[in-house]
Amino acid sequence: MTPVKENAEEKQMDVRVDRHRCAGSGLCMAQVPAVFDQSDEDGKVLLNAPEPGPELTAAVRAAAGRCPSGAITLHEHEHEHEHDPAGH
């Protein structure tokens, strides 16, 4: 029998921001303040959580998609802590 995963979203997301490319619109911070902030000095994006939890995945994807300058990139990888010795 194949084990059933409780959560189909088993990938860890790494968030990266390019401050040189950032336009300072603040859309990302307004949408996901737990992950994004805005510098008081130059108005550019700051990253609060480079590896947000799975509960923030959809919101972070939406914020990246709405970034007018494309300064937010997402990199997904499989969780490394889970291993099925039976190879399933």
PDB file of N, CA and C in Angstrom:
ATOM      1  N   MET A   1       0.840  -1.180   0.000  1.00  0.00           N
ATOM      2  CA  MET A   1       0.000   0.000   0.000  1.00  0.00           C
ATOM      3  C   MET A   1       0.886   1.244   0.000  1.00  0.00           C
ATOM      4  N   THR A   2       0.564   2.192  -0.835  1.00  0.00           N
ATOM      5  CA  THR A   2       1.322   3.437  -0.929  1.00  0.00           C
ATOM      6  C   THR A   2       0.860   4.407   0.143  1.00  0.00           C
ATOM      7  N   PRO A   3       1.806   4.968   0.903  1.00  0.00           N
ATOM      8  CA  PRO A   3       1.408   5.940   1.942  1.00  0.00           C
ATOM      9  C   PRO A   3       0.792   7.182   1.317  1.00  0.00           C
ATOM     10  N   VAL A   4      -0.211   7.722   1.983  1.00  0.00           N
ATOM     11  CA  VAL A   4      -0.884   8.927   1.514  1.00  0.00           C
ATOM     12  C   VAL A   4      -0.305  10.113   2.265  1.00  0.00           C
ATOM     13  N   LYS A   5       0.108  11.117   1.546  1.00  0.00           N
ATOM     14  CA  LYS A   5       0.633  12.322   2.184  1.00  0.00           C
ATOM     15  C   LYS A   5      -0.528  13.187   2.629  1.00  0.00           C
ATOM     16  N   GLU A   6      -0.419  13.754   3.826  1.00  0.00           N
ATOM     17  CA  GLU A   6      -1.476  14.611   4.349  1.00  0.00           C
ATOM     18  C   GLU A   6      -1.587  15.900   3.557  1.00  0.00           C
ATOM     19  N   ASN A   7      -0.485  16.394   3.087  1.00  0.00           N
ATOM     20  CA  ASN A   7      -0.460  17.679   2.386  1.00  0.00           C
ATOM     21  C   ASN A   7       0.173  17.479   1.022  1.00  0.00           C
ATOM     22  N   ALA A   8      -0.569  17.754  -0.047  1.00  0.00           N
ATOM     23  CA  ALA A   8      -0.050  17.570  -1.397  1.00  0.00           C
ATOM     24  C   ALA A   8       1.052  18.577  -1.704  1.00  0.00           C
ATOM     25  N   GLU A   9       1.101  19.671  -0.991  1.00  0.00           N
ATOM     26  CA  GLU A   9       2.100  20.718  -1.208  1.00  0.00           C
ATOM     27  C   GLU A   9       3.313  20.399  -0.352  1.00  0.00           C
ATOM     28  N   GLU A  10       4.176  19.485  -0.813  1.00  0.00           N
ATOM     29  CA  GLU A  10       5.305  19.016  -0.016  1.00  0.00           C
ATOM     30  C   GLU A  10       6.622  19.678  -0.408  1.00  0.00           C
ATOM     31  N   LYS A  11       6.576  20.757  -1.142  1.00  0.00           N
ATOM     32  CA  LYS A  11       7.794  21.427  -1.564  1.00  0.00           C
ATOM     33  C   LYS A  11       8.094  22.610  -0.659  1.00  0.00           C
ATOM     34  N   GLN A  12       9.373  22.804  -0.401  1.00  0.00           N
ATOM     35  CA  GLN A  12       9.836  23.964   0.343  1.00  0.00           C
ATOM     36  C   GLN A  12      10.122  25.072  -0.657  1.00  0.00           C
ATOM     37  N   MET A  13       9.752  26.284  -0.342  1.00  0.00           N
ATOM     38  CA  MET A  13       9.958  27.409  -1.233  1.00  0.00           C
ATOM     39  C   MET A  13      11.029  28.331  -0.671  1.00  0.00           C
ATOM     40  N   ASP A  14      11.990  28.674  -1.517  1.00  0.00           N
ATOM     41  CA  ASP A  14      12.974  29.700  -1.195  1.00  0.00           C
ATOM     42  C   ASP A  14      12.579  30.948  -1.969  1.00  0.00           C
ATOM     43  N   VAL A  15      12.550  32.076  -1.288  1.00  0.00           N
ATOM     44  CA  VAL A  15      12.203  33.350  -1.915  1.00  0.00           C
ATOM     45  C   VAL A  15      13.476  34.177  -2.034  1.00  0.00           C
ATOM     46  N   ARG A  16      13.652  34.772  -3.202  1.00  0.00           N
ATOM     47  CA  ARG A  16      14.792  35.657  -3.400  1.00  0.00           C
ATOM     48  C   ARG A  16      14.288  36.972  -3.975  1.00  0.00           C
ATOM     49  N   VAL A  17      14.932  38.048  -3.588  1.00  0.00           N
ATOM     50  CA  VAL A  17      14.547  39.365  -4.095  1.00  0.00           C
ATOM     51  C   VAL A  17      15.771  40.069  -4.674  1.00  0.00           C
ATOM     52  N   ASP A  18      15.537  40.833  -5.721  1.00  0.00           N
ATOM     53  CA  ASP A  18      16.582  41.626  -6.360  1.00  0.00           C
ATOM     54  C   ASP A  18      16.294  43.093  -6.043  1.00  0.00           C
ATOM     55  N   ARG A  19      16.996  43.620  -5.051  1.00  0.00           N
ATOM     56  CA  ARG A  19      16.751  44.994  -4.613  1.00  0.00           C
ATOM     57  C   ARG A  19      17.094  46.016  -5.696  1.00  0.00           C
ATOM     58  N   HIS A  20      18.027  45.695  -6.574  1.00  0.00           N
ATOM     59  CA  HIS A  20      18.379  46.627  -7.656  1.00  0.00           C
ATOM     60  C   HIS A  20      17.246  46.742  -8.667  1.00  0.00           C
ATOM     61  N   ARG A  21      16.501  45.674  -8.822  1.00  0.00           N
ATOM     62  CA  ARG A  21      15.398  45.633  -9.786  1.00  0.00           C
ATOM     63  C   ARG A  21      14.086  46.162  -9.190  1.00  0.00           C
ATOM     64  N   CYS A  22      13.977  46.156  -7.875  1.00  0.00           N
ATOM     65  CA  CYS A  22      12.752  46.539  -7.172  1.00  0.00           C
ATOM     66  C   CYS A  22      12.343  47.982  -7.491  1.00  0.00           C
ATOM     67  N   ALA A  23      11.053  48.161  -7.777  1.00  0.00           N
ATOM     68  CA  ALA A  23      10.511  49.494  -8.073  1.00  0.00           C
ATOM     69  C   ALA A  23       9.988  50.197  -6.821  1.00  0.00           C
ATOM     70  N   GLY A  24       9.915  49.472  -5.696  1.00  0.00           N
ATOM     71  CA  GLY A  24       9.469  50.081  -4.447  1.00  0.00           C
ATOM     72  C   GLY A  24       7.965  50.306  -4.354  1.00  0.00           C
ATOM     73  N   SER A  25       7.171  49.530  -5.087  1.00  0.00           N
ATOM     74  CA  SER A  25       5.712  49.720  -5.074  1.00  0.00           C
ATOM     75  C   SER A  25       5.073  49.289  -3.756  1.00  0.00           C
ATOM     76  N   GLY A  26       5.698  48.349  -3.055  1.00  0.00           N
ATOM     77  CA  GLY A  26       5.165  47.879  -1.770  1.00  0.00           C
ATOM     78  C   GLY A  26       4.040  46.874  -1.880  1.00  0.00           C
ATOM     79  N   LEU A  27       3.723  46.421  -3.082  1.00  0.00           N
ATOM     80  CA  LEU A  27       2.633  45.447  -3.243  1.00  0.00           C
ATOM     81  C   LEU A  27       2.922  44.150  -2.492  1.00  0.00           C
ATOM     82  N   CYS A  28       4.161  43.695  -2.544  1.00  0.00           N
ATOM     83  CA  CYS A  28       4.519  42.436  -1.885  1.00  0.00           C
ATOM     84  C   CYS A  28       4.342  42.550  -0.369  1.00  0.00           C
ATOM     85  N   MET A  29       4.799  43.651   0.189  1.00  0.00           N
ATOM     86  CA  MET A  29       4.688  43.865   1.631  1.00  0.00           C
ATOM     87  C   MET A  29       3.222  43.954   2.061  1.00  0.00           C
ATOM     88  N   ALA A  30       2.414  44.609   1.248  1.00  0.00           N
ATOM     89  CA  ALA A  30       0.993  44.733   1.573  1.00  0.00           C
ATOM     90  C   ALA A  30       0.297  43.377   1.543  1.00  0.00           C
ATOM     91  N   GLN A  31       0.734  42.496   0.652  1.00  0.00           N
ATOM     92  CA  GLN A  31       0.087  41.201   0.520  1.00  0.00           C
ATOM     93  C   GLN A  31       0.586  40.170   1.527  1.00  0.00           C
ATOM     94  N   VAL A  32       1.901  40.134   1.780  1.00  0.00           N
ATOM     95  CA  VAL A  32       2.464  39.119   2.678  1.00  0.00           C
ATOM     96  C   VAL A  32       3.503  39.768   3.608  1.00  0.00           C
ATOM     97  N   PRO A  33       3.052  40.524   4.601  1.00  0.00           N
ATOM     98  CA  PRO A  33       3.991  41.214   5.489  1.00  0.00           C
ATOM     99  C   PRO A  33       4.866  40.277   6.321  1.00  0.00           C
ATOM    100  N   ALA A  34       4.457  39.031   6.467  1.00  0.00           N
ATOM    101  CA  ALA A  34       5.294  38.076   7.202  1.00  0.00           C
ATOM    102  C   ALA A  34       6.554  37.722   6.414  1.00  0.00           C
ATOM    103  N   VAL A  35       6.507  37.899   5.106  1.00  0.00           N
ATOM    104  CA  VAL A  35       7.637  37.533   4.242  1.00  0.00           C
ATOM    105  C   VAL A  35       8.381  38.761   3.724  1.00  0.00           C
ATOM    106  N   PHE A  36       7.637  39.814   3.363  1.00  0.00           N
ATOM    107  CA  PHE A  36       8.242  40.984   2.735  1.00  0.00           C
ATOM    108  C   PHE A  36       8.097  42.227   3.600  1.00  0.00           C
ATOM    109  N   ASP A  37       9.084  43.098   3.527  1.00  0.00           N
ATOM    110  CA  ASP A  37       9.041  44.398   4.186  1.00  0.00           C
ATOM    111  C   ASP A  37       9.584  45.419   3.193  1.00  0.00           C
ATOM    112  N   GLN A  38       9.568  46.678   3.589  1.00  0.00           N
ATOM    113  CA  GLN A  38      10.031  47.749   2.716  1.00  0.00           C
ATOM    114  C   GLN A  38      10.978  48.635   3.506  1.00  0.00           C
ATOM    115  N   SER A  39      12.116  48.930   2.925  1.00  0.00           N
ATOM    116  CA  SER A  39      13.129  49.750   3.586  1.00  0.00           C
ATOM    117  C   SER A  39      12.623  51.167   3.807  1.00  0.00           C
ATOM    118  N   ASP A  40      12.853  51.694   5.004  1.00  0.00           N
ATOM    119  CA  ASP A  40      12.524  53.091   5.299  1.00  0.00           C
ATOM    120  C   ASP A  40      13.485  54.035   4.585  1.00  0.00           C
ATOM    121  N   GLU A  41      14.672  53.544   4.245  1.00  0.00           N
ATOM    122  CA  GLU A  41      15.689  54.390   3.621  1.00  0.00           C
ATOM    123  C   GLU A  41      15.462  54.600   2.127  1.00  0.00           C
ATOM    124  N   ASP A  42      15.220  53.506   1.396  1.00  0.00           N
ATOM    125  CA  ASP A  42      15.100  53.643  -0.058  1.00  0.00           C
ATOM    126  C   ASP A  42      13.787  53.106  -0.631  1.00  0.00           C
ATOM    127  N   GLY A  43      12.910  52.560   0.223  1.00  0.00           N
ATOM    128  CA  GLY A  43      11.618  52.064  -0.239  1.00  0.00           C
ATOM    129  C   GLY A  43      11.665  50.730  -0.947  1.00  0.00           C
ATOM    130  N   LYS A  44      12.839  50.115  -1.000  1.00  0.00           N
ATOM    131  CA  LYS A  44      12.996  48.839  -1.718  1.00  0.00           C
ATOM    132  C   LYS A  44      12.652  47.668  -0.803  1.00  0.00           C
ATOM    133  N   VAL A  45      12.359  46.560  -1.443  1.00  0.00           N
ATOM    134  CA  VAL A  45      11.937  45.353  -0.741  1.00  0.00           C
ATOM    135  C   VAL A  45      13.025  44.828   0.202  1.00  0.00           C
ATOM    136  N   LEU A  46      12.570  44.318   1.340  1.00  0.00           N
ATOM    137  CA  LEU A  46      13.408  43.604   2.289  1.00  0.00           C
ATOM    138  C   LEU A  46      12.750  42.251   2.525  1.00  0.00           C
ATOM    139  N   LEU A  47      13.532  41.236   2.730  1.00  0.00           N
ATOM    140  CA  LEU A  47      13.016  39.885   2.901  1.00  0.00           C
ATOM    141  C   LEU A  47      13.036  39.493   4.374  1.00  0.00           C
ATOM    142  N   ASN A  48      11.850  39.266   4.946  1.00  0.00           N
ATOM    143  CA  ASN A  48      11.738  38.846   6.348  1.00  0.00           C
ATOM    144  C   ASN A  48      11.897  37.348   6.513  1.00  0.00           C
ATOM    145  N   ALA A  49      11.425  36.584   5.531  1.00  0.00           N
ATOM    146  CA  ALA A  49      11.405  35.124   5.645  1.00  0.00           C
ATOM    147  C   ALA A  49      11.778  34.493   4.306  1.00  0.00           C
ATOM    148  N   PRO A  50      13.053  34.155   4.101  1.00  0.00           N
ATOM    149  CA  PRO A  50      13.472  33.586   2.827  1.00  0.00           C
ATOM    150  C   PRO A  50      12.929  32.183   2.563  1.00  0.00           C
ATOM    151  N   GLU A  51      12.456  31.488   3.611  1.00  0.00           N
ATOM    152  CA  GLU A  51      11.860  30.165   3.456  1.00  0.00           C
ATOM    153  C   GLU A  51      10.520  30.129   4.195  1.00  0.00           C
ATOM    154  N   PRO A  52       9.491  30.763   3.614  1.00  0.00           N
ATOM    155  CA  PRO A  52       8.192  30.799   4.295  1.00  0.00           C
ATOM    156  C   PRO A  52       7.554  29.420   4.370  1.00  0.00           C
ATOM    157  N   GLY A  53       6.712  29.222   5.356  1.00  0.00           N
ATOM    158  CA  GLY A  53       6.030  27.948   5.532  1.00  0.00           C
ATOM    159  C   GLY A  53       4.993  27.702   4.451  1.00  0.00           C
ATOM    160  N   PRO A  54       4.526  26.464   4.365  1.00  0.00           N
ATOM    161  CA  PRO A  54       3.575  26.084   3.320  1.00  0.00           C
ATOM    162  C   PRO A  54       2.255  26.845   3.391  1.00  0.00           C
ATOM    163  N   GLU A  55       1.902  27.363   4.543  1.00  0.00           N
ATOM    164  CA  GLU A  55       0.664  28.121   4.678  1.00  0.00           C
ATOM    165  C   GLU A  55       0.727  29.465   3.944  1.00  0.00           C
ATOM    166  N   LEU A  56       1.932  29.903   3.591  1.00  0.00           N
ATOM    167  CA  LEU A  56       2.105  31.175   2.881  1.00  0.00           C
ATOM    168  C   LEU A  56       2.403  30.997   1.390  1.00  0.00           C
ATOM    169  N   THR A  57       2.500  29.760   0.934  1.00  0.00           N
ATOM    170  CA  THR A  57       2.893  29.488  -0.451  1.00  0.00           C
ATOM    171  C   THR A  57       2.031  30.214  -1.469  1.00  0.00           C
ATOM    172  N   ALA A  58       0.730  30.105  -1.372  1.00  0.00           N
ATOM    173  CA  ALA A  58      -0.164  30.725  -2.356  1.00  0.00           C
ATOM    174  C   ALA A  58      -0.032  32.239  -2.342  1.00  0.00           C
ATOM    175  N   ALA A  59       0.053  32.833  -1.167  1.00  0.00           N
ATOM    176  CA  ALA A  59       0.163  34.290  -1.064  1.00  0.00           C
ATOM    177  C   ALA A  59       1.494  34.792  -1.607  1.00  0.00           C
ATOM    178  N   VAL A  60       2.576  34.056  -1.358  1.00  0.00           N
ATOM    179  CA  VAL A  60       3.889  34.454  -1.858  1.00  0.00           C
ATOM    180  C   VAL A  60       3.924  34.343  -3.386  1.00  0.00           C
ATOM    181  N   ARG A  61       3.342  33.276  -3.922  1.00  0.00           N
ATOM    182  CA  ARG A  61       3.266  33.140  -5.386  1.00  0.00           C
ATOM    183  C   ARG A  61       2.488  34.309  -6.002  1.00  0.00           C
ATOM    184  N   ALA A  62       1.387  34.669  -5.365  1.00  0.00           N
ATOM    185  CA  ALA A  62       0.582  35.782  -5.877  1.00  0.00           C
ATOM    186  C   ALA A  62       1.367  37.088  -5.819  1.00  0.00           C
ATOM    187  N   ALA A  63       2.074  37.325  -4.725  1.00  0.00           N
ATOM    188  CA  ALA A  63       2.869  38.552  -4.593  1.00  0.00           C
ATOM    189  C   ALA A  63       3.968  38.603  -5.656  1.00  0.00           C
ATOM    190  N   ALA A  64       4.623  37.478  -5.891  1.00  0.00           N
ATOM    191  CA  ALA A  64       5.671  37.432  -6.918  1.00  0.00           C
ATOM    192  C   ALA A  64       5.079  37.716  -8.297  1.00  0.00           C
ATOM    193  N   GLY A  65       3.902  37.172  -8.557  1.00  0.00           N
ATOM    194  CA  GLY A  65       3.246  37.387  -9.836  1.00  0.00           C
ATOM    195  C   GLY A  65       2.798  38.822 -10.055  1.00  0.00           C
ATOM    196  N   ARG A  66       2.522  39.530  -8.973  1.00  0.00           N
ATOM    197  CA  ARG A  66       2.062  40.918  -9.064  1.00  0.00           C
ATOM    198  C   ARG A  66       3.188  41.945  -9.001  1.00  0.00           C
ATOM    199  N   CYS A  67       4.397  41.492  -8.741  1.00  0.00           N
ATOM    200  CA  CYS A  67       5.523  42.421  -8.636  1.00  0.00           C
ATOM    201  C   CYS A  67       5.737  43.100  -9.986  1.00  0.00           C
ATOM    202  N   PRO A  68       5.577  44.427 -10.054  1.00  0.00           N
ATOM    203  CA  PRO A  68       5.664  45.122 -11.342  1.00  0.00           C
ATOM    204  C   PRO A  68       7.047  45.082 -11.983  1.00  0.00           C
ATOM    205  N   SER A  69       8.080  44.866 -11.193  1.00  0.00           N
ATOM    206  CA  SER A  69       9.432  44.869 -11.755  1.00  0.00           C
ATOM    207  C   SER A  69      10.039  43.473 -11.860  1.00  0.00           C
ATOM    208  N   GLY A  70       9.307  42.455 -11.391  1.00  0.00           N
ATOM    209  CA  GLY A  70       9.832  41.090 -11.447  1.00  0.00           C
ATOM    210  C   GLY A  70      11.009  40.869 -10.517  1.00  0.00           C
ATOM    211  N   ALA A  71      11.034  41.586  -9.404  1.00  0.00           N
ATOM    212  CA  ALA A  71      12.164  41.520  -8.474  1.00  0.00           C
ATOM    213  C   ALA A  71      12.108  40.310  -7.539  1.00  0.00           C
ATOM    214  N   ILE A  72      10.981  39.587  -7.532  1.00  0.00           N
ATOM    215  CA  ILE A  72      10.811  38.437  -6.635  1.00  0.00           C
ATOM    216  C   ILE A  72      10.896  37.163  -7.452  1.00  0.00           C
ATOM    217  N   THR A  73      11.781  36.256  -7.049  1.00  0.00           N
ATOM    218  CA  THR A  73      11.853  34.951  -7.695  1.00  0.00           C
ATOM    219  C   THR A  73      11.654  33.862  -6.657  1.00  0.00           C
ATOM    220  N   LEU A  74      11.018  32.785  -7.083  1.00  0.00           N
ATOM    221  CA  LEU A  74      10.711  31.661  -6.207  1.00  0.00           C
ATOM    222  C   LEU A  74      11.452  30.426  -6.693  1.00  0.00           C
ATOM    223  N   HIS A  75      11.985  29.685  -5.765  1.00  0.00           N
ATOM    224  CA  HIS A  75      12.728  28.468  -6.074  1.00  0.00           C
ATOM    225  C   HIS A  75      12.188  27.373  -5.168  1.00  0.00           C
ATOM    226  N   GLU A  76      11.644  26.328  -5.777  1.00  0.00           N
ATOM    227  CA  GLU A  76      11.053  25.239  -4.999  1.00  0.00           C
ATOM    228  C   GLU A  76      11.946  24.013  -5.027  1.00  0.00           C
ATOM    229  N   HIS A  77      11.971  23.305  -3.909  1.00  0.00           N
ATOM    230  CA  HIS A  77      12.697  22.044  -3.823  1.00  0.00           C
ATOM    231  C   HIS A  77      11.948  21.128  -2.881  1.00  0.00           C
ATOM    232  N   GLU A  78      12.174  19.838  -3.026  1.00  0.00           N
ATOM    233  CA  GLU A  78      11.496  18.842  -2.194  1.00  0.00           C
ATOM    234  C   GLU A  78      11.989  18.933  -0.762  1.00  0.00           C
ATOM    235  N   HIS A  79      11.085  18.629   0.179  1.00  0.00           N
ATOM    236  CA  HIS A  79      11.494  18.520   1.583  1.00  0.00           C
ATOM    237  C   HIS A  79      12.503  17.396   1.693  1.00  0.00           C
ATOM    238  N   GLU A  80      13.559  17.629   2.417  1.00  0.00           N
ATOM    239  CA  GLU A  80      14.593  16.611   2.565  1.00  0.00           C
ATOM    240  C   GLU A  80      14.397  15.762   3.819  1.00  0.00           C
ATOM    241  N   HIS A  81      13.508  16.182   4.708  1.00  0.00           N
ATOM    242  CA  HIS A  81      13.343  15.449   5.962  1.00  0.00           C
ATOM    243  C   HIS A  81      12.483  14.204   5.810  1.00  0.00           C
ATOM    244  N   GLU A  82      11.730  14.095   4.719  1.00  0.00           N
ATOM    245  CA  GLU A  82      10.882  12.937   4.533  1.00  0.00           C
ATOM    246  C   GLU A  82      11.585  11.919   3.655  1.00  0.00           C
ATOM    247  N   HIS A  83      11.617  10.683   4.114  1.00  0.00           N
ATOM    248  CA  HIS A  83      12.233   9.617   3.345  1.00  0.00           C
ATOM    249  C   HIS A  83      11.404   8.358   3.559  1.00  0.00           C
ATOM    250  N   ASP A  84      11.017   7.740   2.477  1.00  0.00           N
ATOM    251  CA  ASP A  84      10.255   6.501   2.541  1.00  0.00           C
ATOM    252  C   ASP A  84      11.208   5.362   2.211  1.00  0.00           C
ATOM    253  N   PRO A  85      11.629   4.571   3.199  1.00  0.00           N
ATOM    254  CA  PRO A  85      12.606   3.522   2.948  1.00  0.00           C
ATOM    255  C   PRO A  85      12.114   2.453   1.960  1.00  0.00           C
ATOM    256  N   ALA A  86      10.811   2.354   1.752  1.00  0.00           N
ATOM    257  CA  ALA A  86      10.286   1.373   0.808  1.00  0.00           C
ATOM    258  C   ALA A  86      10.369   1.876  -0.622  1.00  0.00           C
ATOM    259  N   GLY A  87      10.753   3.156  -0.806  1.00  0.00           N
ATOM    260  CA  GLY A  87      10.910   3.709  -2.142  1.00  0.00           C
ATOM    261  C   GLY A  87       9.625   4.190  -2.773  1.00  0.00           C
ATOM    262  N   HIS A  88       8.624   4.460  -1.958  1.00  0.00           N
ATOM    263  CA  HIS A  88       7.327   4.941  -2.497  1.00  0.00           C
ATOM    264  C   HIS A  88       7.278   6.430  -2.546  1.00  0.00           C
TER     265      HIS A  88
END
